[in-house]
PDB file of all heavy atoms in Angstrom:
ATOM      1  N   THR A   1     106.204 -60.719 134.405  1.00  0.00           N
ATOM      2  CA  THR A   1     107.577 -60.851 133.974  1.00  0.00           C
ATOM      3  C   THR A   1     108.570 -60.524 135.064  1.00  0.00           C
ATOM      4  O   THR A   1     108.179 -59.945 136.072  1.00  0.00           O
ATOM      5  CB  THR A   1     107.834 -59.873 132.771  1.00  0.00           C
ATOM      6  OG1 THR A   1     107.614 -58.558 133.212  1.00  0.00           O
ATOM      7  CG2 THR A   1     106.966 -60.220 131.599  1.00  0.00           C
ATOM      8  N   THR A   2     109.747 -60.922 134.890  1.00  0.00           N
ATOM      9  CA  THR A   2     110.795 -60.754 135.957  1.00  0.00           C
ATOM     10  C   THR A   2     112.055 -60.174 135.296  1.00  0.00           C
ATOM     11  O   THR A   2     112.446 -60.660 134.201  1.00  0.00           O
ATOM     12  CB  THR A   2     111.132 -62.079 136.613  1.00  0.00           C
ATOM     13  OG1 THR A   2     109.951 -62.649 137.161  1.00  0.00           O
ATOM     14  CG2 THR A   2     112.154 -61.858 137.691  1.00  0.00           C
ATOM     15  N   ASP A   3     112.638 -59.145 135.896  1.00  0.00           N
ATOM     16  CA  ASP A   3     113.848 -58.603 135.364  1.00  0.00           C
ATOM     17  C   ASP A   3     115.063 -59.405 135.797  1.00  0.00           C
ATOM     18  O   ASP A   3     114.977 -60.377 136.540  1.00  0.00           O
ATOM     19  CB  ASP A   3     113.962 -57.104 135.653  1.00  0.00           C
ATOM     20  CG  ASP A   3     114.215 -56.832 137.140  1.00  0.00           C
ATOM     21  OD1 ASP A   3     114.416 -57.822 137.864  1.00  0.00           O
ATOM     22  OD2 ASP A   3     114.292 -55.689 137.503  1.00  0.00           O
ATOM     23  N   ALA A   4     116.257 -58.963 135.366  1.00  0.00           N
ATOM     24  CA  ALA A   4     117.445 -59.697 135.684  1.00  0.00           C
ATOM     25  C   ALA A   4     117.769 -59.765 137.169  1.00  0.00           C
ATOM     26  O   ALA A   4     118.451 -60.661 137.661  1.00  0.00           O
ATOM     27  CB  ALA A   4     118.676 -59.020 134.952  1.00  0.00           C
ATOM     28  N   GLY A   5     117.247 -58.747 137.921  1.00  0.00           N
ATOM     29  CA  GLY A   5     117.489 -58.730 139.346  1.00  0.00           C
ATOM     30  C   GLY A   5     116.436 -59.487 140.169  1.00  0.00           C
ATOM     31  O   GLY A   5     116.473 -59.466 141.365  1.00  0.00           O
ATOM     32  N   GLY A   6     115.540 -60.136 139.454  1.00  0.00           N
ATOM     33  CA  GLY A   6     114.499 -60.904 140.125  1.00  0.00           C
ATOM     34  C   GLY A   6     113.278 -60.146 140.566  1.00  0.00           C
ATOM     35  O   GLY A   6     112.457 -60.652 141.284  1.00  0.00           O
ATOM     36  N   THR A   7     113.147 -58.932 140.052  1.00  0.00           N
ATOM     37  CA  THR A   7     111.944 -58.095 140.417  1.00  0.00           C
ATOM     38  C   THR A   7     110.805 -58.398 139.509  1.00  0.00           C
ATOM     39  O   THR A   7     110.987 -58.378 138.274  1.00  0.00           O
ATOM     40  CB  THR A   7     112.341 -56.594 140.348  1.00  0.00           C
ATOM     41  OG1 THR A   7     113.403 -56.351 141.193  1.00  0.00           O
ATOM     42  CG2 THR A   7     111.117 -55.781 140.783  1.00  0.00           C
ATOM     43  N   ASP A   8     109.659 -58.710 140.059  1.00  0.00           N
ATOM     44  CA  ASP A   8     108.524 -59.017 139.204  1.00  0.00           C
ATOM     45  C   ASP A   8     108.006 -57.829 138.543  1.00  0.00           C
ATOM     46  O   ASP A   8     108.133 -56.655 138.949  1.00  0.00           O
ATOM     47  CB  ASP A   8     107.366 -59.592 140.090  1.00  0.00           C
ATOM     48  CG  ASP A   8     107.715 -61.006 140.621  1.00  0.00           C
ATOM     49  OD1 ASP A   8     108.543 -61.661 139.984  1.00  0.00           O
ATOM     50  OD2 ASP A   8     107.093 -61.404 141.646  1.00  0.00           O
ATOM     51  N   ASP A   9     107.341 -58.016 137.412  1.00  0.00           N
ATOM     52  CA  ASP A   9     106.682 -57.022 136.575  1.00  0.00           C
ATOM     53  C   ASP A   9     107.632 -55.829 136.293  1.00  0.00           C
ATOM     54  O   ASP A   9     107.254 -54.668 136.363  1.00  0.00           O
ATOM     55  CB  ASP A   9     105.517 -56.465 137.384  1.00  0.00           C
ATOM     56  CG  ASP A   9     104.383 -57.519 137.568  1.00  0.00           C
ATOM     57  OD1 ASP A   9     104.550 -58.535 136.913  1.00  0.00           O
ATOM     58  OD2 ASP A   9     103.508 -57.257 138.377  1.00  0.00           O
ATOM     59  N   ALA A  10     108.860 -56.154 135.850  1.00  0.00           N
ATOM     60  CA  ALA A  10     109.811 -55.056 135.567  1.00  0.00           C
ATOM     61  C   ALA A  10     110.412 -55.285 134.165  1.00  0.00           C
ATOM     62  O   ALA A  10     110.758 -56.336 133.812  1.00  0.00           O
ATOM     63  CB  ALA A  10     110.912 -55.009 136.606  1.00  0.00           C
ATOM     64  N   ARG A  11     110.477 -54.209 133.432  1.00  0.00           N
ATOM     65  CA  ARG A  11     111.217 -54.150 132.134  1.00  0.00           C
ATOM     66  C   ARG A  11     111.346 -52.705 131.747  1.00  0.00           C
ATOM     67  O   ARG A  11     110.708 -51.861 132.345  1.00  0.00           O
ATOM     68  CB  ARG A  11     110.402 -54.971 131.095  1.00  0.00           C
ATOM     69  CG  ARG A  11     109.119 -54.260 130.634  1.00  0.00           C
ATOM     70  CD  ARG A  11     108.472 -55.059 129.548  1.00  0.00           C
ATOM     71  NE  ARG A  11     107.153 -54.453 129.204  1.00  0.00           N
ATOM     72  CZ  ARG A  11     106.963 -53.508 128.286  1.00  0.00           C
ATOM     73  NH1 ARG A  11     107.991 -52.992 127.618  1.00  0.00           N
ATOM     74  NH2 ARG A  11     105.756 -53.058 128.039  1.00  0.00           N
ATOM     75  N   THR A  12     112.105 -52.458 130.744  1.00  0.00           N
ATOM     76  CA  THR A  12     112.161 -51.081 130.184  1.00  0.00           C
ATOM     77  C   THR A  12     111.090 -51.011 129.131  1.00  0.00           C
ATOM     78  O   THR A  12     111.194 -51.652 128.074  1.00  0.00           O
ATOM     79  CB  THR A  12     113.524 -50.847 129.518  1.00  0.00           C
ATOM     80  OG1 THR A  12     114.563 -50.922 130.548  1.00  0.00           O
ATOM     81  CG2 THR A  12     113.542 -49.412 128.943  1.00  0.00           C
ATOM     82  N   PRO A  13     110.018 -50.239 129.339  1.00  0.00           N
ATOM     83  CA  PRO A  13     108.937 -50.181 128.363  1.00  0.00           C
ATOM     84  C   PRO A  13     109.381 -49.612 127.033  1.00  0.00           C
ATOM     85  O   PRO A  13     110.233 -48.769 126.993  1.00  0.00           O
ATOM     86  CB  PRO A  13     107.857 -49.331 129.036  1.00  0.00           C
ATOM     87  CG  PRO A  13     108.665 -48.518 129.991  1.00  0.00           C
ATOM     88  CD  PRO A  13     109.768 -49.336 130.471  1.00  0.00           C
ATOM     89  N   ASP A  14     108.810 -50.071 125.977  1.00  0.00           N
ATOM     90  CA  ASP A  14     109.098 -49.530 124.610  1.00  0.00           C
ATOM     91  C   ASP A  14     108.756 -48.048 124.528  1.00  0.00           C
ATOM     92  O   ASP A  14     109.394 -47.333 123.708  1.00  0.00           O
ATOM     93  CB  ASP A  14     108.397 -50.318 123.570  1.00  0.00           C
ATOM     94  CG  ASP A  14     108.972 -51.743 123.369  1.00  0.00           C
ATOM     95  OD1 ASP A  14     110.140 -51.907 123.724  1.00  0.00           O
ATOM     96  OD2 ASP A  14     108.230 -52.587 122.893  1.00  0.00           O
ATOM     97  N   LEU A  15     107.840 -47.579 125.278  1.00  0.00           N
ATOM     98  CA  LEU A  15     107.520 -46.117 125.246  1.00  0.00           C
ATOM     99  C   LEU A  15     108.745 -45.307 125.685  1.00  0.00           C
ATOM    100  O   LEU A  15     109.066 -44.293 125.169  1.00  0.00           O
ATOM    101  CB  LEU A  15     106.286 -45.789 126.078  1.00  0.00           C
ATOM    102  CG  LEU A  15     105.749 -44.429 125.966  1.00  0.00           C
ATOM    103  CD1 LEU A  15     105.247 -44.152 124.550  1.00  0.00           C
ATOM    104  CD2 LEU A  15     104.622 -44.158 126.971  1.00  0.00           C
ATOM    105  N   THR A  16     109.416 -45.827 126.763  1.00  0.00           N
ATOM    106  CA  THR A  16     110.630 -45.221 127.250  1.00  0.00           C
ATOM    107  C   THR A  16     111.679 -45.228 126.145  1.00  0.00           C
ATOM    108  O   THR A  16     112.470 -44.292 125.943  1.00  0.00           O
ATOM    109  CB  THR A  16     111.153 -45.912 128.535  1.00  0.00           C
ATOM    110  OG1 THR A  16     110.141 -45.762 129.530  1.00  0.00           O
ATOM    111  CG2 THR A  16     112.467 -45.280 128.964  1.00  0.00           C
ATOM    112  N   LEU A  17     111.815 -46.342 125.421  1.00  0.00           N
ATOM    113  CA  LEU A  17     112.735 -46.450 124.342  1.00  0.00           C
ATOM    114  C   LEU A  17     112.495 -45.450 123.267  1.00  0.00           C
ATOM    115  O   LEU A  17     113.386 -44.814 122.730  1.00  0.00           O
ATOM    116  CB  LEU A  17     112.636 -47.889 123.735  1.00  0.00           C
ATOM    117  CG  LEU A  17     113.745 -48.311 122.797  1.00  0.00           C
ATOM    118  CD1 LEU A  17     115.124 -48.260 123.494  1.00  0.00           C
ATOM    119  CD2 LEU A  17     113.487 -49.749 122.303  1.00  0.00           C
ATOM    120  N   LEU A  18     111.205 -45.191 122.981  1.00  0.00           N
ATOM    121  CA  LEU A  18     110.902 -44.201 121.976  1.00  0.00           C
ATOM    122  C   LEU A  18     111.336 -42.827 122.424  1.00  0.00           C
ATOM    123  O   LEU A  18     111.879 -42.013 121.608  1.00  0.00           O
ATOM    124  CB  LEU A  18     109.391 -44.187 121.649  1.00  0.00           C
ATOM    125  CG  LEU A  18     108.729 -45.458 121.095  1.00  0.00           C
ATOM    126  CD1 LEU A  18     107.291 -45.133 120.696  1.00  0.00           C
ATOM    127  CD2 LEU A  18     109.506 -46.027 119.991  1.00  0.00           C
ATOM    128  N   ARG A  19     111.107 -42.525 123.680  1.00  0.00           N
ATOM    129  CA  ARG A  19     111.580 -41.223 124.250  1.00  0.00           C
ATOM    130  C   ARG A  19     113.030 -41.085 124.098  1.00  0.00           C
ATOM    131  O   ARG A  19     113.581 -40.043 123.656  1.00  0.00           O
ATOM    132  CB  ARG A  19     111.174 -41.113 125.667  1.00  0.00           C
ATOM    133  CG  ARG A  19     109.741 -40.904 126.034  1.00  0.00           C
ATOM    134  CD  ARG A  19     109.654 -40.815 127.546  1.00  0.00           C
ATOM    135  NE  ARG A  19     108.299 -40.858 128.030  1.00  0.00           N
ATOM    136  CZ  ARG A  19     107.534 -39.799 128.317  1.00  0.00           C
ATOM    137  NH1 ARG A  19     108.026 -38.579 128.051  1.00  0.00           N
ATOM    138  NH2 ARG A  19     106.312 -39.886 128.772  1.00  0.00           N
ATOM    139  N   GLU A  20     113.790 -42.107 124.433  1.00  0.00           N
ATOM    140  CA  GLU A  20     115.232 -42.054 124.449  1.00  0.00           C
ATOM    141  C   GLU A  20     115.799 -41.931 123.053  1.00  0.00           C
ATOM    142  O   GLU A  20     116.717 -41.165 122.812  1.00  0.00           O
ATOM    143  CB  GLU A  20     115.785 -43.289 125.160  1.00  0.00           C
ATOM    144  CG  GLU A  20     115.501 -43.352 126.655  1.00  0.00           C
ATOM    145  CD  GLU A  20     115.935 -44.655 127.264  1.00  0.00           C
ATOM    146  OE1 GLU A  20     116.300 -45.567 126.510  1.00  0.00           O
ATOM    147  OE2 GLU A  20     115.927 -44.749 128.524  1.00  0.00           O
ATOM    148  N   TRP A  21     115.248 -42.701 122.094  1.00  0.00           N
ATOM    149  CA  TRP A  21     115.744 -42.660 120.732  1.00  0.00           C
ATOM    150  C   TRP A  21     115.499 -41.245 120.136  1.00  0.00           C
ATOM    151  O   TRP A  21     116.335 -40.683 119.466  1.00  0.00           O
ATOM    152  CB  TRP A  21     115.059 -43.706 119.876  1.00  0.00           C
ATOM    153  CG  TRP A  21     115.604 -45.034 120.104  1.00  0.00           C
ATOM    154  CD1 TRP A  21     116.679 -45.392 120.841  1.00  0.00           C
ATOM    155  CD2 TRP A  21     115.150 -46.305 119.472  1.00  0.00           C
ATOM    156  NE1 TRP A  21     116.928 -46.743 120.786  1.00  0.00           N
ATOM    157  CE2 TRP A  21     115.972 -47.307 120.005  1.00  0.00           C
ATOM    158  CE3 TRP A  21     114.066 -46.598 118.683  1.00  0.00           C
ATOM    159  CZ2 TRP A  21     115.757 -48.666 119.635  1.00  0.00           C
ATOM    160  CZ3 TRP A  21     113.900 -47.920 118.326  1.00  0.00           C
ATOM    161  CH2 TRP A  21     114.708 -48.949 118.763  1.00  0.00           C
ATOM    162  N   ALA A  22     114.296 -40.684 120.337  1.00  0.00           N
ATOM    163  CA  ALA A  22     113.971 -39.384 119.791  1.00  0.00           C
ATOM    164  C   ALA A  22     114.859 -38.303 120.409  1.00  0.00           C
ATOM    165  O   ALA A  22     115.440 -37.449 119.704  1.00  0.00           O
ATOM    166  CB  ALA A  22     112.528 -39.086 120.013  1.00  0.00           C
ATOM    167  N   ARG A  23     115.019 -38.303 121.735  1.00  0.00           N
ATOM    168  CA  ARG A  23     115.794 -37.286 122.396  1.00  0.00           C
ATOM    169  C   ARG A  23     117.265 -37.404 121.991  1.00  0.00           C
ATOM    170  O   ARG A  23     117.865 -36.313 121.783  1.00  0.00           O
ATOM    171  CB  ARG A  23     115.647 -37.521 123.889  1.00  0.00           C
ATOM    172  CG  ARG A  23     116.211 -36.357 124.729  1.00  0.00           C
ATOM    173  CD  ARG A  23     115.438 -35.074 124.558  1.00  0.00           C
ATOM    174  NE  ARG A  23     116.104 -34.170 123.669  1.00  0.00           N
ATOM    175  CZ  ARG A  23     115.508 -33.033 123.243  1.00  0.00           C
ATOM    176  NH1 ARG A  23     114.328 -32.697 123.589  1.00  0.00           N
ATOM    177  NH2 ARG A  23     116.211 -32.230 122.451  1.00  0.00           N
ATOM    178  N   GLU A  24     117.791 -38.573 121.876  1.00  0.00           N
ATOM    179  CA  GLU A  24     119.180 -38.732 121.445  1.00  0.00           C
ATOM    180  C   GLU A  24     119.412 -38.100 120.081  1.00  0.00           C
ATOM    181  O   GLU A  24     120.406 -37.420 119.845  1.00  0.00           O
ATOM    182  CB  GLU A  24     119.563 -40.206 121.346  1.00  0.00           C
ATOM    183  CG  GLU A  24     120.971 -40.484 120.894  1.00  0.00           C
ATOM    184  CD  GLU A  24     121.278 -41.962 120.712  1.00  0.00           C
ATOM    185  OE1 GLU A  24     120.291 -42.734 120.498  1.00  0.00           O
ATOM    186  OE2 GLU A  24     122.451 -42.327 120.671  1.00  0.00           O
ATOM    187  N   ARG A  25     118.465 -38.269 119.217  1.00  0.00           N
ATOM    188  CA  ARG A  25     118.592 -37.714 117.800  1.00  0.00           C
ATOM    189  C   ARG A  25     118.486 -36.201 117.805  1.00  0.00           C
ATOM    190  O   ARG A  25     119.185 -35.506 117.112  1.00  0.00           O
ATOM    191  CB  ARG A  25     117.656 -38.443 116.870  1.00  0.00           C
ATOM    192  CG  ARG A  25     118.135 -39.815 116.465  1.00  0.00           C
ATOM    193  CD  ARG A  25     116.996 -40.804 116.135  1.00  0.00           C
ATOM    194  NE  ARG A  25     117.562 -42.108 115.803  1.00  0.00           N
ATOM    195  CZ  ARG A  25     118.057 -42.942 116.715  1.00  0.00           C
ATOM    196  NH1 ARG A  25     118.003 -42.676 117.979  1.00  0.00           N
ATOM    197  NH2 ARG A  25     118.559 -44.096 116.255  1.00  0.00           N
ATOM    198  N   LEU A  26     117.526 -35.702 118.558  1.00  0.00           N
ATOM    199  CA  LEU A  26     117.315 -34.265 118.557  1.00  0.00           C
ATOM    200  C   LEU A  26     118.466 -33.536 119.236  1.00  0.00           C
ATOM    201  O   LEU A  26     118.830 -32.411 118.876  1.00  0.00           O
ATOM    202  CB  LEU A  26     116.001 -33.941 119.268  1.00  0.00           C
ATOM    203  CG  LEU A  26     114.737 -34.463 118.511  1.00  0.00           C
ATOM    204  CD1 LEU A  26     113.494 -34.160 119.298  1.00  0.00           C
ATOM    205  CD2 LEU A  26     114.643 -33.803 117.140  1.00  0.00           C
ATOM    206  N   ASP A  27     119.110 -34.163 120.239  1.00  0.00           N
ATOM    207  CA  ASP A  27     120.248 -33.554 120.886  1.00  0.00           C
ATOM    208  C   ASP A  27     121.442 -33.489 119.984  1.00  0.00           C
ATOM    209  O   ASP A  27     122.377 -32.698 120.279  1.00  0.00           O
ATOM    210  CB  ASP A  27     120.622 -34.328 122.142  1.00  0.00           C
ATOM    211  CG  ASP A  27     119.575 -34.075 123.285  1.00  0.00           C
ATOM    212  OD1 ASP A  27     118.816 -33.134 123.217  1.00  0.00           O
ATOM    213  OD2 ASP A  27     119.595 -34.866 124.248  1.00  0.00           O
ATOM    214  N   ALA A  28     121.473 -34.271 118.941  1.00  0.00           N
ATOM    215  CA  ALA A  28     122.622 -34.330 118.049  1.00  0.00           C
ATOM    216  C   ALA A  28     122.515 -33.374 116.829  1.00  0.00           C
ATOM    217  O   ALA A  28     123.468 -33.321 116.009  1.00  0.00           O
ATOM    218  CB  ALA A  28     122.797 -35.771 117.519  1.00  0.00           C
TER     219      ALA A  28
END
């Protein structure tokens, strides 16, 4: 895969998304 900047094999993994969603909620 390629990200918007043209870098191969790049994306925001869903595991990172899970971390961010959980942390955002716990911080609130």
